[in-house]
């Protein structure tokens, strides 16, 4: 996808699952006596640049570290005497700010008599050679002369996992990390309760960045199997220590500690009328200059084939929104059912959206595909085009005459309700078409086939499936699919010609989902766990089991002429680097500039 010419530039739009719609920021409040009112709460960032930035996962910079930092040219305005007197303090934290909106580490320095903190990116402090490109940075902390942190900067030629949540001992001489090291098989697809071990190593003996996975056994000094990644960390020797936990403030028992720190959404900035709350459409940094990456605040974003219209479902799943040259507006709403997975008919002249109506995670309940015609003109009624079953995730062929979708219709009495792919011969009438067989079955098997899309040449269909899951795999995971999803290609008119393109791993309950073709048909884009977990789930501000702390967007190049040459492709490129699951992405040719109103 990155090799496409300027005339065939592709762009990817996606929804970051459970990323708060209102910015996070860093606060503190007194411990003793406890806060009595909102006035006791202190917002650490108050500059204009931080009004819309997301700031979180902060750690206090120990008193010795600022003195070393002040020797850097960027800090010439500060003096060591300011540190000695306690007038100057600092935090290292994750922030999403600027044009690229990456989740990277920043340093904030602040005088006690100045409410505004000065924020510096690590590239400002240490130079750009180590701090550039698309990446995630997390868990920054100082150990003596070293800055310890987790990063996804270095490209990975193969699947691997990172160490998580490094913590520095009070002496600054040792580091503890949560690691999948010495665990058989490494990360096994677990979602919420990560099965990690805790390793402790000497700082001076291990100068390799932690994420590079040097031979960790050489620097192992002790191992404590009783410690879990949920144990809060504190800095009792620092009288101004502020320990940040993603969900609850960390307990600090030292009576010298004056304040306790935490991050929360800046709820005081929310407008009273929900219709005035910001709806953001951000362009993110991308490893390819000719491939755009866009984060959409709405769920299930979908572009029309000519790139002139964007549709999505708002977070309550009760309204379908459209953004085009007329602005941003609701085109269909309900008070009863849920909407999800809107998708444009690929023929732009049809001006039709298909949506799923019904419960999203219950295969035993009815779920229908409905069409909304003439979307751009005015609010329209929806028309059901499927018969009774659990039907979802439809998409038309490029000329807009047929639909491919997944359904449980051939398992009406089966307890599991397996899902296979089907093709409607008439995209307008669906199951109610006039032909002898208006809907024909494409795939068949006791597994799940889903998330399907036609190739630009209309000869192949890409989809996600569990057909190769192990026989001893669990039937479900908290009522959801247990994983083992991989991406496949099948000929649209011959179900016997099918190849597996990309898998999470033969023995991993992983997820490679939501595939779609690049406009030139030479790449497939997926949401996948190929990088495992980049940040501990406890760092997510909101967490439910159906939302995973992994799921970045990757591209894999394919041969668009010979389907057999695309079996078990090994090389892939990571597009996004995030702690949030990037879901329901779509990709199209887009205008060179996209402007979407921030409010309806």
Protein backbone atom coordinates (compact mmCIF):
# COMPACT_ATOMS: atom_id res chain seq x y z
CA UNK A 1 0.00 0.00 0.00
CA UNK A 2 2.93 2.28 0.61
CA UNK A 3 4.18 1.91 -2.94
CA UNK A 4 1.06 3.32 -4.53
CA UNK A 5 1.45 6.40 -6.67
CA UNK A 6 0.01 9.79 -5.85
CA UNK A 7 -2.93 9.07 -8.16
CA UNK A 8 -3.70 5.93 -6.16
CA UNK A 9 -3.04 7.18 -2.65
CA UNK A 10 -4.92 5.14 -0.08
CA UNK A 11 -6.08 6.33 3.29
CA UNK A 12 -7.15 4.35 6.33
CA UNK A 13 -9.85 5.50 8.73
CA UNK A 14 -10.48 3.72 12.02
CA UNK A 15 -12.14 4.05 15.41
CA UNK A 16 -10.01 3.78 18.59
CA UNK A 17 -12.12 1.60 20.86
CA UNK A 18 -12.93 3.17 24.24
CA UNK A 19 -10.58 6.07 23.78
CA UNK A 20 -12.35 8.72 25.89
CA UNK A 21 -14.14 11.32 23.75
CA UNK A 22 -13.02 13.98 26.23
CA UNK A 23 -9.33 14.65 26.79
CA UNK A 24 -7.46 13.10 29.73
CA UNK A 25 -5.27 15.25 31.92
CA UNK A 26 -3.05 15.00 34.99
CA UNK A 27 -4.30 16.18 38.38
CA UNK A 28 -3.30 15.94 42.01
CA UNK A 29 -5.04 16.49 45.32
CA UNK A 30 -3.83 16.67 48.94
CA UNK A 31 -3.63 13.48 51.00
CA UNK A 32 -3.70 14.84 54.53
CA UNK A 33 -6.03 16.49 55.06
CA UNK A 34 -8.05 14.95 52.21
CA UNK A 35 -9.64 17.21 49.59
CA UNK A 36 -12.88 18.90 50.59
CA UNK A 37 -13.86 20.55 47.31
CA UNK A 38 -12.92 20.83 43.67
CA UNK A 39 -10.74 23.80 44.55
CA UNK A 40 -8.33 21.40 46.28
CA UNK A 41 -7.66 19.67 42.95
CA UNK A 42 -4.65 20.87 40.98
CA UNK A 43 -4.45 20.55 37.18
CA UNK A 44 -0.81 20.11 36.23
CA UNK A 45 -1.16 21.21 32.58
CA UNK A 46 -2.84 24.55 32.01
CA UNK A 47 -1.35 25.91 28.78
CA UNK A 48 -3.45 26.56 25.68
CA UNK A 49 -1.67 23.70 23.88
CA UNK A 50 -2.96 21.27 26.51
CA UNK A 51 -6.61 22.20 26.23
CA UNK A 52 -7.25 19.40 23.73
CA UNK A 53 -4.21 17.19 24.41
CA UNK A 54 -4.51 13.79 26.09
CA UNK A 55 -2.03 13.60 29.00
CA UNK A 56 -1.71 10.53 31.22
CA UNK A 57 0.52 7.82 32.79
CA UNK A 58 2.76 10.32 34.55
CA UNK A 59 5.70 9.75 36.87
CA UNK A 60 7.49 12.35 38.98
CA UNK A 61 11.05 12.99 37.88
CA UNK A 62 13.31 12.28 40.90
CA UNK A 63 15.20 15.36 42.21
CA UNK A 64 18.57 14.15 40.90
CA UNK A 65 17.35 13.71 37.34
CA UNK A 66 16.34 17.33 36.62
CA UNK A 67 19.88 18.50 37.41
CA UNK A 68 21.25 16.24 34.69
CA UNK A 69 18.48 17.28 32.32
CA UNK A 70 19.26 20.96 32.85
CA UNK A 71 22.63 20.44 31.16
CA UNK A 72 20.76 19.86 27.90
CA UNK A 73 20.69 22.97 25.64
CA UNK A 74 16.90 23.12 25.57
CA UNK A 75 16.81 23.74 29.35
CA UNK A 76 19.20 26.70 29.57
CA UNK A 77 16.50 28.92 31.09
CA UNK A 78 16.39 26.73 34.23
CA UNK A 79 18.96 26.68 37.05
CA UNK A 80 20.11 23.93 39.40
CA UNK A 81 19.29 26.24 42.29
CA UNK A 82 15.64 26.07 41.24
CA UNK A 83 15.76 22.30 41.74
CA UNK A 84 17.61 22.53 45.07
CA UNK A 85 15.10 25.01 46.44
CA UNK A 86 12.14 22.90 45.36
CA UNK A 87 10.83 25.67 43.10
CA UNK A 88 11.21 23.51 39.97
CA UNK A 89 9.68 20.05 39.61
CA UNK A 90 8.95 17.82 36.67
CA UNK A 91 6.89 14.95 35.30
CA UNK A 92 7.46 12.49 32.50
CA UNK A 93 4.20 11.41 30.94
CA UNK A 94 2.47 10.15 27.81
CA UNK A 95 0.81 12.78 25.67
CA UNK A 96 -1.16 12.80 22.42
CA UNK A 97 -0.58 16.23 20.92
CA UNK A 98 0.53 18.09 17.84
CA UNK A 99 -0.04 17.25 14.21
CA UNK A 100 0.74 13.53 14.37
CA UNK A 101 -1.22 12.69 17.56
CA UNK A 102 1.11 9.85 18.56
CA UNK A 103 1.18 8.36 22.07
CA UNK A 104 4.68 9.48 23.01
CA UNK A 105 6.57 10.57 26.11
CA UNK A 106 6.98 14.20 27.09
CA UNK A 107 8.70 16.02 29.94
CA UNK A 108 6.93 18.84 31.78
CA UNK A 109 8.80 21.28 34.02
CA UNK A 110 6.98 23.70 36.27
CA UNK A 111 7.79 26.38 38.81
CA UNK A 112 5.74 26.27 42.00
CA UNK A 113 4.58 29.86 41.54
CA UNK A 114 3.63 29.44 37.87
CA UNK A 115 0.42 27.56 36.97
CA UNK A 116 1.68 26.83 33.45
CA UNK A 117 4.01 23.91 32.85
CA UNK A 118 6.48 23.93 29.97
CA UNK A 119 6.27 20.72 27.91
CA UNK A 120 9.10 19.19 25.87
CA UNK A 121 9.08 16.16 23.59
CA UNK A 122 11.94 13.69 24.00
CA UNK A 123 13.23 14.73 20.57
CA UNK A 124 13.51 18.31 21.90
CA UNK A 125 15.61 17.09 24.80
CA UNK A 126 17.72 14.25 23.40
CA UNK A 127 17.68 14.86 19.64
CA UNK A 128 15.67 13.35 16.83
CA UNK A 129 17.83 10.31 15.99
CA UNK A 130 16.19 8.12 18.64
CA UNK A 131 12.84 9.85 18.84
CA UNK A 132 11.31 10.08 15.40
CA UNK A 133 8.92 8.15 13.21
CA UNK A 134 5.61 6.48 14.00
CA UNK A 135 5.85 4.80 17.40
CA UNK A 136 4.35 4.37 20.88
CA UNK A 137 6.27 5.35 24.01
CA UNK A 138 5.12 4.49 27.51
CA UNK A 139 6.10 3.97 31.15
CA UNK A 140 8.88 6.55 31.32
CA UNK A 141 10.99 6.60 34.47
CA UNK A 142 14.50 7.68 35.46
CA UNK A 143 17.19 5.40 36.88
CA UNK A 144 20.42 7.21 37.66
CA UNK A 145 21.78 8.50 34.35
CA UNK A 146 19.29 6.50 32.31
CA UNK A 147 15.81 7.15 30.99
CA UNK A 148 13.91 3.86 31.00
CA UNK A 149 10.85 3.50 28.79
CA UNK A 150 8.95 1.18 26.47
CA UNK A 151 8.87 1.98 22.76
CA UNK A 152 7.65 0.37 19.55
CA UNK A 153 10.03 2.47 17.44
CA UNK A 154 12.17 -0.26 15.93
CA UNK A 155 10.52 -2.13 13.04
CA UNK A 156 10.00 -5.81 13.71
CA UNK A 157 10.72 -8.29 10.90
CA UNK A 158 8.75 -10.94 12.76
CA UNK A 159 6.23 -11.27 15.54
CA UNK A 160 7.50 -10.45 19.03
CA UNK A 161 6.32 -8.97 22.32
CA UNK A 162 7.59 -6.13 24.48
CA UNK A 163 8.31 -5.98 28.18
CA UNK A 164 5.75 -3.89 30.04
CA UNK A 165 5.55 -1.37 32.88
CA UNK A 166 9.20 -0.88 33.88
CA UNK A 167 9.63 0.41 37.42
CA UNK A 168 12.80 1.74 39.02
CA UNK A 169 13.88 0.85 42.55
CA UNK A 170 14.18 3.72 45.09
CA UNK A 171 17.98 3.47 44.79
CA UNK A 172 17.75 3.94 41.02
CA UNK A 173 20.03 0.96 40.45
CA UNK A 174 17.50 -1.73 39.53
CA UNK A 175 14.58 -2.10 37.15
CA UNK A 176 11.59 -4.41 37.43
CA UNK A 177 9.58 -5.30 34.34
CA UNK A 178 6.54 -7.41 33.58
CA UNK A 179 7.62 -9.85 30.89
CA UNK A 180 6.41 -12.87 28.94
CA UNK A 181 9.97 -14.20 29.13
CA UNK A 182 10.29 -17.84 30.28
CA UNK A 183 6.58 -18.37 29.70
CA UNK A 184 6.01 -21.26 27.31
CA UNK A 185 4.76 -19.82 24.06
CA UNK A 186 5.07 -16.24 25.34
CA UNK A 187 1.94 -14.15 25.07
CA UNK A 188 -1.02 -16.43 24.40
CA UNK A 189 -3.68 -13.94 23.37
CA UNK A 190 -4.91 -13.14 26.88
CA UNK A 191 -6.89 -9.92 27.09
CA UNK A 192 -7.31 -8.51 30.58
CA UNK A 193 -5.25 -10.53 33.04
CA UNK A 194 -1.85 -10.76 31.39
CA UNK A 195 0.11 -13.83 32.44
CA UNK A 196 3.50 -12.22 32.92
CA UNK A 197 6.47 -12.84 35.16
CA UNK A 198 8.34 -10.11 37.01
CA UNK A 199 12.05 -9.77 36.26
CA UNK A 200 14.49 -7.54 38.13
CA UNK A 201 17.76 -6.45 36.55
CA UNK A 202 20.65 -4.14 37.30
CA UNK A 203 20.55 -0.89 35.34
CA UNK A 204 24.30 -0.71 34.72
CA UNK A 205 24.53 -4.30 33.46
CA UNK A 206 21.72 -4.02 30.90
CA UNK A 207 22.09 -0.98 28.71
CA UNK A 208 20.14 -2.49 25.82
CA UNK A 209 16.67 -0.95 25.45
CA UNK A 210 14.22 -3.24 27.17
CA UNK A 211 12.00 -3.66 24.16
CA UNK A 212 14.85 -5.21 22.16
CA UNK A 213 14.66 -8.35 24.24
CA UNK A 214 18.39 -8.86 24.82
CA UNK A 215 19.25 -12.12 26.59
CA UNK A 216 17.43 -11.19 29.74
CA UNK A 217 18.75 -14.18 31.69
CA UNK A 218 22.23 -12.60 31.79
CA UNK A 219 20.99 -9.61 33.75
CA UNK A 220 18.48 -11.44 35.93
CA UNK A 221 19.25 -10.85 39.59
CA UNK A 222 16.06 -12.03 41.22
CA UNK A 223 12.60 -13.20 40.32
CA UNK A 224 9.51 -12.79 42.45
CA UNK A 225 6.54 -14.86 41.23
CA UNK A 226 4.29 -13.35 43.90
CA UNK A 227 4.41 -9.87 42.39
CA UNK A 228 1.74 -9.10 39.79
CA UNK A 229 1.50 -6.34 37.21
CA UNK A 230 -1.43 -4.87 39.15
CA UNK A 231 0.73 -3.97 42.17
CA UNK A 232 0.87 -0.15 42.44
CA UNK A 233 4.34 1.36 42.50
CA UNK A 234 5.36 4.22 44.80
CA UNK A 235 8.40 6.39 45.30
CA UNK A 236 8.54 6.79 49.10
CA UNK A 237 11.86 8.65 49.14
CA UNK A 238 10.51 11.56 47.10
CA UNK A 239 8.56 14.07 49.22
CA UNK A 240 6.67 15.23 46.13
CA UNK A 241 6.09 11.83 44.58
CA UNK A 242 2.95 11.55 42.49
CA UNK A 243 2.14 7.99 41.45
CA UNK A 244 -0.33 7.68 38.59
CA UNK A 245 -2.54 4.66 38.10
CA UNK A 246 -4.80 4.30 35.07
CA UNK A 247 -7.96 3.52 37.02
CA UNK A 248 -7.44 4.41 40.67
CA UNK A 249 -4.92 6.57 42.53
CA UNK A 250 -1.99 4.56 43.84
CA UNK A 251 -1.74 4.18 47.59
CA UNK A 252 1.16 6.06 49.17
CA UNK A 253 1.81 5.28 52.82
CA UNK A 254 4.68 7.72 53.42
CA UNK A 255 3.33 10.57 55.53
CA UNK A 256 5.80 12.99 53.91
CA UNK A 257 3.93 12.78 50.63
CA UNK A 258 1.92 15.96 50.22
CA UNK A 259 -0.26 15.08 47.23
CA UNK A 260 -1.49 12.09 45.29
CA UNK A 261 -1.65 12.14 41.51
CA UNK A 262 -4.03 10.66 38.99
CA UNK A 263 -5.40 11.33 35.56
CA UNK A 264 -9.02 11.76 34.57
CA UNK A 265 -11.12 13.16 31.75
CA UNK A 266 -11.52 16.93 31.75
CA UNK A 267 -15.25 16.56 32.29
CA UNK A 268 -15.64 20.22 33.17
CA UNK A 269 -15.06 21.04 29.49
CA UNK A 270 -18.08 19.06 28.30
CA UNK A 271 -20.89 21.17 26.92
CA UNK A 272 -24.28 20.84 28.55
CA UNK A 273 -25.91 19.96 25.24
CA UNK A 274 -24.52 16.64 23.99
CA UNK A 275 -24.95 17.78 20.40
CA UNK A 276 -22.26 20.39 20.97
CA UNK A 277 -19.64 17.97 22.24
CA UNK A 278 -16.60 17.86 19.93
CA UNK A 279 -16.52 15.30 17.15
CA UNK A 280 -12.97 14.97 16.02
CA UNK A 281 -11.39 13.67 12.85
CA UNK A 282 -7.61 13.52 13.28
CA UNK A 283 -4.93 12.77 10.76
CA UNK A 284 -2.19 10.71 12.43
CA UNK A 285 1.42 10.03 11.61
CA UNK A 286 1.91 7.25 9.05
CA UNK A 287 5.03 5.26 8.10
CA UNK A 288 4.11 5.81 4.43
CA UNK A 289 4.04 9.38 3.06
CA UNK A 290 1.41 8.41 0.47
CA UNK A 291 -0.87 6.57 2.91
CA UNK A 292 -3.00 8.63 5.25
CA UNK A 293 -4.17 7.40 8.67
CA UNK A 294 -7.28 9.02 10.13
CA UNK A 295 -8.77 8.54 13.59
CA UNK A 296 -12.55 9.02 13.60
CA UNK A 297 -14.52 9.66 16.78
CA UNK A 298 -17.51 7.73 15.41
CA UNK A 299 -17.75 3.93 15.39
CA UNK A 300 -17.55 1.85 12.17
CA UNK A 301 -16.27 4.57 9.81
CA UNK A 302 -16.87 3.90 6.11
CA UNK A 303 -15.91 5.92 3.03
CA UNK A 304 -17.80 6.00 -0.24
CA UNK A 305 -15.81 4.59 -3.16
CA UNK A 306 -15.00 8.06 -4.54
CA UNK A 307 -13.91 9.31 -1.10
CA UNK A 308 -16.48 12.12 -1.04
CA UNK A 309 -18.58 10.83 1.87
CA UNK A 310 -17.86 9.37 5.28
CA UNK A 311 -20.49 7.54 7.34
CA UNK A 312 -20.25 6.26 10.91
CA UNK A 313 -22.37 5.29 13.90
CA UNK A 314 -22.27 7.44 17.01
CA UNK A 315 -21.14 5.82 20.26
CA UNK A 316 -24.67 5.09 21.50
CA UNK A 317 -25.34 3.02 18.33
CA UNK A 318 -28.64 4.84 17.83
CA UNK A 319 -27.79 7.16 14.92
CA UNK A 320 -26.03 6.98 11.56
CA UNK A 321 -24.01 10.08 10.70
CA UNK A 322 -22.71 11.25 7.32
CA UNK A 323 -19.96 13.80 6.62
CA UNK A 324 -19.66 15.25 3.11
CA UNK A 325 -19.43 18.62 1.38
CA UNK A 326 -22.74 19.55 3.03
CA UNK A 327 -21.32 19.12 6.53
CA UNK A 328 -21.98 16.60 9.30
CA UNK A 329 -25.51 15.36 10.01
CA UNK A 330 -27.70 12.45 11.14
CA UNK A 331 -29.26 10.54 8.24
CA UNK A 332 -31.06 7.85 10.23
CA UNK A 333 -31.81 7.30 13.93
CA UNK A 334 -33.72 4.98 16.22
CA UNK A 335 -34.82 4.75 19.85
CA UNK A 336 -35.28 0.99 19.93
CA UNK A 337 -32.66 -0.99 17.99
CA UNK A 338 -28.91 -0.71 17.74
CA UNK A 339 -27.09 0.21 14.52
CA UNK A 340 -23.60 -0.86 13.60
CA UNK A 341 -21.33 -1.52 10.62
CA UNK A 342 -22.65 0.99 8.06
CA UNK A 343 -21.10 0.52 4.62
CA UNK A 344 -21.56 2.36 1.34
CA UNK A 345 -22.59 0.60 -1.84
CA UNK A 346 -19.40 0.71 -3.91
CA UNK A 347 -21.24 2.25 -6.85
CA UNK A 348 -21.35 5.96 -5.86
CA UNK A 349 -24.30 6.61 -8.18
CA UNK A 350 -26.51 4.44 -5.96
CA UNK A 351 -25.97 6.67 -2.87
CA UNK A 352 -26.95 3.74 -0.62
CA UNK A 353 -25.85 2.71 2.86
CA UNK A 354 -26.29 -0.77 4.28
CA UNK A 355 -26.42 -1.07 8.07
CA UNK A 356 -26.78 -3.86 10.61
CA UNK A 357 -29.78 -3.57 12.91
CA UNK A 358 -29.88 -5.57 16.15
CA UNK A 359 -27.56 -6.85 18.92
CA UNK A 360 -23.87 -6.92 18.03
CA UNK A 361 -22.54 -9.83 20.12
CA UNK A 362 -25.30 -12.44 20.23
CA UNK A 363 -25.31 -15.00 17.40
CA UNK A 364 -28.54 -16.59 18.67
CA UNK A 365 -30.61 -13.42 18.16
CA UNK A 366 -31.95 -11.97 14.93
CA UNK A 367 -29.74 -9.45 13.21
CA UNK A 368 -30.74 -7.85 9.92
CA UNK A 369 -29.04 -6.00 7.11
CA UNK A 370 -31.00 -2.95 6.02
CA UNK A 371 -30.52 -0.52 3.14
CA UNK A 372 -30.90 3.27 3.33
CA UNK A 373 -31.24 4.76 -0.17
CA UNK A 374 -30.67 8.32 -1.39
CA UNK A 375 -28.67 9.08 1.73
CA UNK A 376 -27.33 12.43 0.58
CA UNK A 377 -30.73 14.00 -0.10
CA UNK A 378 -32.62 13.79 3.18
CA UNK A 379 -33.45 11.46 6.09
CA UNK A 380 -34.70 8.18 4.70
CA UNK A 381 -36.40 5.04 5.95
CA UNK A 382 -34.48 1.81 6.05
CA UNK A 383 -35.49 -1.29 4.09
CA UNK A 384 -34.74 -4.78 5.43
CA UNK A 385 -33.09 -6.97 2.76
CA UNK A 386 -32.38 -10.14 4.80
CA UNK A 387 -34.64 -12.88 6.10
CA UNK A 388 -34.68 -14.17 9.68
CA UNK A 389 -31.17 -15.09 10.89
CA UNK A 390 -28.10 -13.41 12.34
CA UNK A 391 -26.85 -11.47 9.29
CA UNK A 392 -24.09 -8.86 9.32
CA UNK A 393 -21.05 -7.21 7.71
CA UNK A 394 -22.22 -6.81 4.14
CA UNK A 395 -20.32 -5.14 1.32
CA UNK A 396 -21.14 -4.76 -2.35
CA UNK A 397 -18.94 -5.67 -5.28
CA UNK A 398 -17.29 -2.70 -7.06
CA UNK A 399 -20.15 -2.15 -9.51
CA UNK A 400 -22.71 -2.30 -6.69
CA UNK A 401 -24.86 -5.13 -8.03
CA UNK A 402 -24.13 -7.90 -5.49
CA UNK A 403 -23.57 -8.15 -1.73
CA UNK A 404 -21.34 -10.48 0.26
CA UNK A 405 -22.17 -10.92 3.96
CA UNK A 406 -21.95 -13.41 6.83
CA UNK A 407 -24.92 -15.25 8.33
CA UNK A 408 -25.99 -18.07 10.66
CA UNK A 409 -28.97 -18.97 8.44
CA UNK A 410 -27.94 -22.58 7.80
CA UNK A 411 -27.62 -23.34 11.53
CA UNK A 412 -31.12 -22.46 12.85
CA UNK A 413 -31.23 -25.15 15.54
CA UNK A 414 -27.52 -25.44 16.22
CA UNK A 415 -26.41 -24.31 19.65
CA UNK A 416 -23.27 -22.61 18.34
CA UNK A 417 -24.87 -20.88 15.32
CA UNK A 418 -21.81 -20.99 13.08
CA UNK A 419 -21.31 -18.13 10.63
CA UNK A 420 -20.49 -18.53 6.93
CA UNK A 421 -20.33 -16.26 3.89
CA UNK A 422 -23.18 -15.71 1.44
CA UNK A 423 -23.69 -13.66 -1.72
CA UNK A 424 -26.86 -11.78 -2.64
CA UNK A 425 -27.30 -11.66 -6.40
CA UNK A 426 -29.30 -8.42 -6.20
CA UNK A 427 -27.90 -5.74 -3.88
CA UNK A 428 -31.17 -3.80 -3.94
CA UNK A 429 -33.57 -6.64 -3.07
CA UNK A 430 -31.30 -9.04 -1.16
CA UNK A 431 -33.08 -12.18 0.05
CA UNK A 432 -36.27 -10.93 -1.60
CA UNK A 433 -34.85 -10.90 -5.14
CA UNK A 434 -36.71 -12.30 -8.14
CA UNK A 435 -34.16 -14.94 -9.18
CA UNK A 436 -34.55 -18.63 -8.39
CA UNK A 437 -31.70 -18.42 -5.87
CA UNK A 438 -31.50 -14.77 -4.69
CA UNK A 439 -28.86 -15.66 -2.08
CA UNK A 440 -26.25 -18.41 -2.49
CA UNK A 441 -23.89 -19.86 0.05
CA UNK A 442 -20.18 -19.23 -0.55
CA UNK A 443 -18.43 -20.96 2.39
CA UNK A 444 -19.49 -23.90 4.53
CA UNK A 445 -18.17 -25.17 7.84
CA UNK A 446 -18.62 -25.23 11.60
CA UNK A 447 -16.58 -22.14 12.29
CA UNK A 448 -16.90 -18.36 11.93
CA UNK A 449 -16.34 -16.59 8.61
CA UNK A 450 -16.84 -12.83 8.86
CA UNK A 451 -15.56 -9.33 7.93
CA UNK A 452 -15.69 -9.85 4.17
CA UNK A 453 -14.82 -7.54 1.26
CA UNK A 454 -14.55 -7.81 -2.54
CA UNK A 455 -11.25 -7.19 -4.30
CA UNK A 456 -11.07 -4.20 -6.68
CA UNK A 457 -11.04 -6.60 -9.65
CA UNK A 458 -14.12 -8.37 -8.24
CA UNK A 459 -12.55 -11.84 -8.51
CA UNK A 460 -11.60 -12.48 -4.86
CA UNK A 461 -13.16 -11.95 -1.45
CA UNK A 462 -11.03 -11.36 1.63
CA UNK A 463 -12.43 -12.39 5.00
CA UNK A 464 -11.54 -13.30 8.58
CA UNK A 465 -12.15 -16.84 9.82
CA UNK A 466 -11.56 -19.29 12.67
CA UNK A 467 -11.58 -22.33 10.36
CA UNK A 468 -8.05 -23.38 11.36
CA UNK A 469 -8.52 -23.14 15.12
CA UNK A 470 -7.24 -26.11 17.17
CA UNK A 471 -9.69 -28.88 17.94
CA UNK A 472 -9.16 -28.41 21.68
CA UNK A 473 -9.82 -24.64 21.61
CA UNK A 474 -12.39 -23.37 24.14
CA UNK A 475 -15.94 -22.85 22.82
CA UNK A 476 -15.99 -19.19 23.87
CA UNK A 477 -14.26 -16.50 25.91
CA UNK A 478 -16.71 -14.80 28.28
CA UNK A 479 -19.45 -15.41 25.74
CA UNK A 480 -17.39 -14.09 22.82
CA UNK A 481 -15.38 -15.81 20.11
CA UNK A 482 -12.28 -17.43 21.68
CA UNK A 483 -9.96 -16.06 19.00
CA UNK A 484 -7.87 -17.98 16.45
CA UNK A 485 -8.90 -15.56 13.69
CA UNK A 486 -6.83 -15.43 10.50
CA UNK A 487 -7.33 -13.72 7.14
CA UNK A 488 -8.19 -15.69 4.01
CA UNK A 489 -8.81 -15.17 0.30
CA UNK A 490 -11.48 -17.06 -1.64
CA UNK A 491 -12.62 -16.87 -5.25
CA UNK A 492 -16.06 -15.27 -5.31
CA UNK A 493 -17.43 -17.99 -7.62
CA UNK A 494 -15.44 -21.02 -6.41
CA UNK A 495 -15.34 -21.76 -2.65
CA UNK A 496 -12.84 -24.56 -3.24
CA UNK A 497 -10.11 -22.03 -4.07
CA UNK A 498 -9.20 -20.55 -0.69
CA UNK A 499 -5.84 -19.64 0.91
CA UNK A 500 -4.84 -18.42 4.35
CA UNK A 501 -2.94 -15.15 3.99
CA UNK A 502 -2.04 -14.08 7.52
CA UNK A 503 -2.51 -15.57 10.98
CA UNK A 504 -1.82 -14.46 14.51
CA UNK A 505 -0.17 -17.81 15.23
CA UNK A 506 -1.17 -21.45 15.00
CA UNK A 507 -1.27 -21.86 18.77
CA UNK A 508 -2.37 -18.36 19.78
CA UNK A 509 -5.96 -17.42 20.53
CA UNK A 510 -5.33 -14.24 18.58
CA UNK A 511 -7.21 -11.97 16.24
CA UNK A 512 -6.51 -10.88 12.68
CA UNK A 513 -9.74 -9.16 11.71
CA UNK A 514 -11.43 -6.45 9.61
CA UNK A 515 -9.43 -7.02 6.39
CA UNK A 516 -9.84 -4.83 3.33
CA UNK A 517 -8.01 -4.30 0.05
CA UNK A 518 -5.98 -1.26 -0.90
CA UNK A 519 -7.42 0.60 -3.91
CA UNK A 520 -4.88 -1.02 -6.27
CA UNK A 521 -5.51 -4.51 -4.87
CA UNK A 522 -1.83 -5.04 -4.05
CA UNK A 523 -2.17 -4.90 -0.26
CA UNK A 524 -4.53 -6.03 2.46
CA UNK A 525 -5.03 -3.96 5.60
CA UNK A 526 -6.01 -5.68 8.86
CA UNK A 527 -6.53 -5.01 12.53
CA UNK A 528 -4.34 -7.56 14.30
CA UNK A 529 -2.46 -8.55 17.44
CA UNK A 530 0.78 -9.19 15.55
CA UNK A 531 2.60 -6.89 18.00
CA UNK A 532 0.86 -8.50 20.99
CA UNK A 533 0.32 -6.02 23.84
CA UNK A 534 2.18 -2.70 23.70
CA UNK A 535 0.78 -1.30 26.96
CA UNK A 536 -0.58 -2.93 30.11
CA UNK A 537 -4.41 -3.05 30.06
CA UNK A 538 -4.47 -1.27 33.42
CA UNK A 539 -3.32 1.86 31.59
CA UNK A 540 -6.58 2.01 29.64
CA UNK A 541 -8.99 4.54 31.16
CA UNK A 542 -11.96 2.31 30.28
CA UNK A 543 -11.91 -1.44 29.93
CA UNK A 544 -14.45 -4.14 29.13
CA UNK A 545 -13.63 -7.65 28.04
CA UNK A 546 -14.91 -7.25 24.48
CA UNK A 547 -12.39 -4.43 24.00
CA UNK A 548 -8.79 -5.57 23.78
CA UNK A 549 -5.59 -3.74 24.80
CA UNK A 550 -4.15 -4.57 21.38
CA UNK A 551 -5.29 -4.41 17.79
CA UNK A 552 -3.08 -2.18 15.70
CA UNK A 553 -3.44 -1.74 11.96
CA UNK A 554 -1.05 -3.63 9.70
CA UNK A 555 -0.61 -3.97 5.94
CA UNK A 556 0.54 -7.04 4.06
CA UNK A 557 1.51 -7.00 0.38
CA UNK A 558 -0.05 -9.64 -1.88
CA UNK A 559 0.12 -10.83 -5.48
CA UNK A 560 -3.11 -9.59 -7.10
CA UNK A 561 -2.83 -12.02 -10.01
CA UNK A 562 -2.15 -15.44 -8.46
CA UNK A 563 -4.17 -16.28 -5.35
CA UNK A 564 -1.96 -19.26 -4.50
CA UNK A 565 1.10 -17.02 -4.08
CA UNK A 566 -0.57 -15.32 -1.13
CA UNK A 567 -0.58 -18.28 1.22
CA UNK A 568 0.90 -17.68 4.69
CA UNK A 569 2.58 -14.36 3.95
CA UNK A 570 5.26 -13.65 6.57
CA UNK A 571 6.12 -9.98 6.08
CA UNK A 572 3.91 -7.16 7.31
CA UNK A 573 4.13 -3.45 8.16
CA UNK A 574 2.71 -1.83 11.27
CA UNK A 575 0.73 1.35 10.55
CA UNK A 576 -0.59 2.38 13.98
CA UNK A 577 1.11 2.22 17.37
CA UNK A 578 -1.49 2.53 20.10
CA UNK A 579 -2.75 1.19 23.42
CA UNK A 580 -6.30 1.33 22.03
CA UNK A 581 -7.80 -1.30 19.78
CA UNK A 582 -8.13 0.20 16.28
CA UNK A 583 -11.37 -1.21 14.95
CA UNK A 584 -13.53 -1.32 11.85
CA UNK A 585 -11.08 0.45 9.64
CA UNK A 586 -11.78 1.22 6.01
CA UNK A 587 -9.60 2.41 3.16
CA UNK A 588 -10.34 4.31 -0.01
CA UNK A 589 -9.01 6.82 -2.47
CA UNK A 590 -9.54 10.17 -0.80
CA UNK A 591 -9.25 13.78 -1.86
CA UNK A 592 -5.87 15.31 -1.06
CA UNK A 593 -7.45 17.40 1.69
CA UNK A 594 -10.28 16.29 3.93
CA UNK A 595 -12.14 18.80 6.03
CA UNK A 596 -14.82 17.62 8.39
CA UNK A 597 -16.67 19.94 10.71
CA UNK A 598 -15.87 19.40 14.37
CA UNK A 599 -19.47 19.90 15.35
CA UNK A 600 -22.79 18.98 13.74
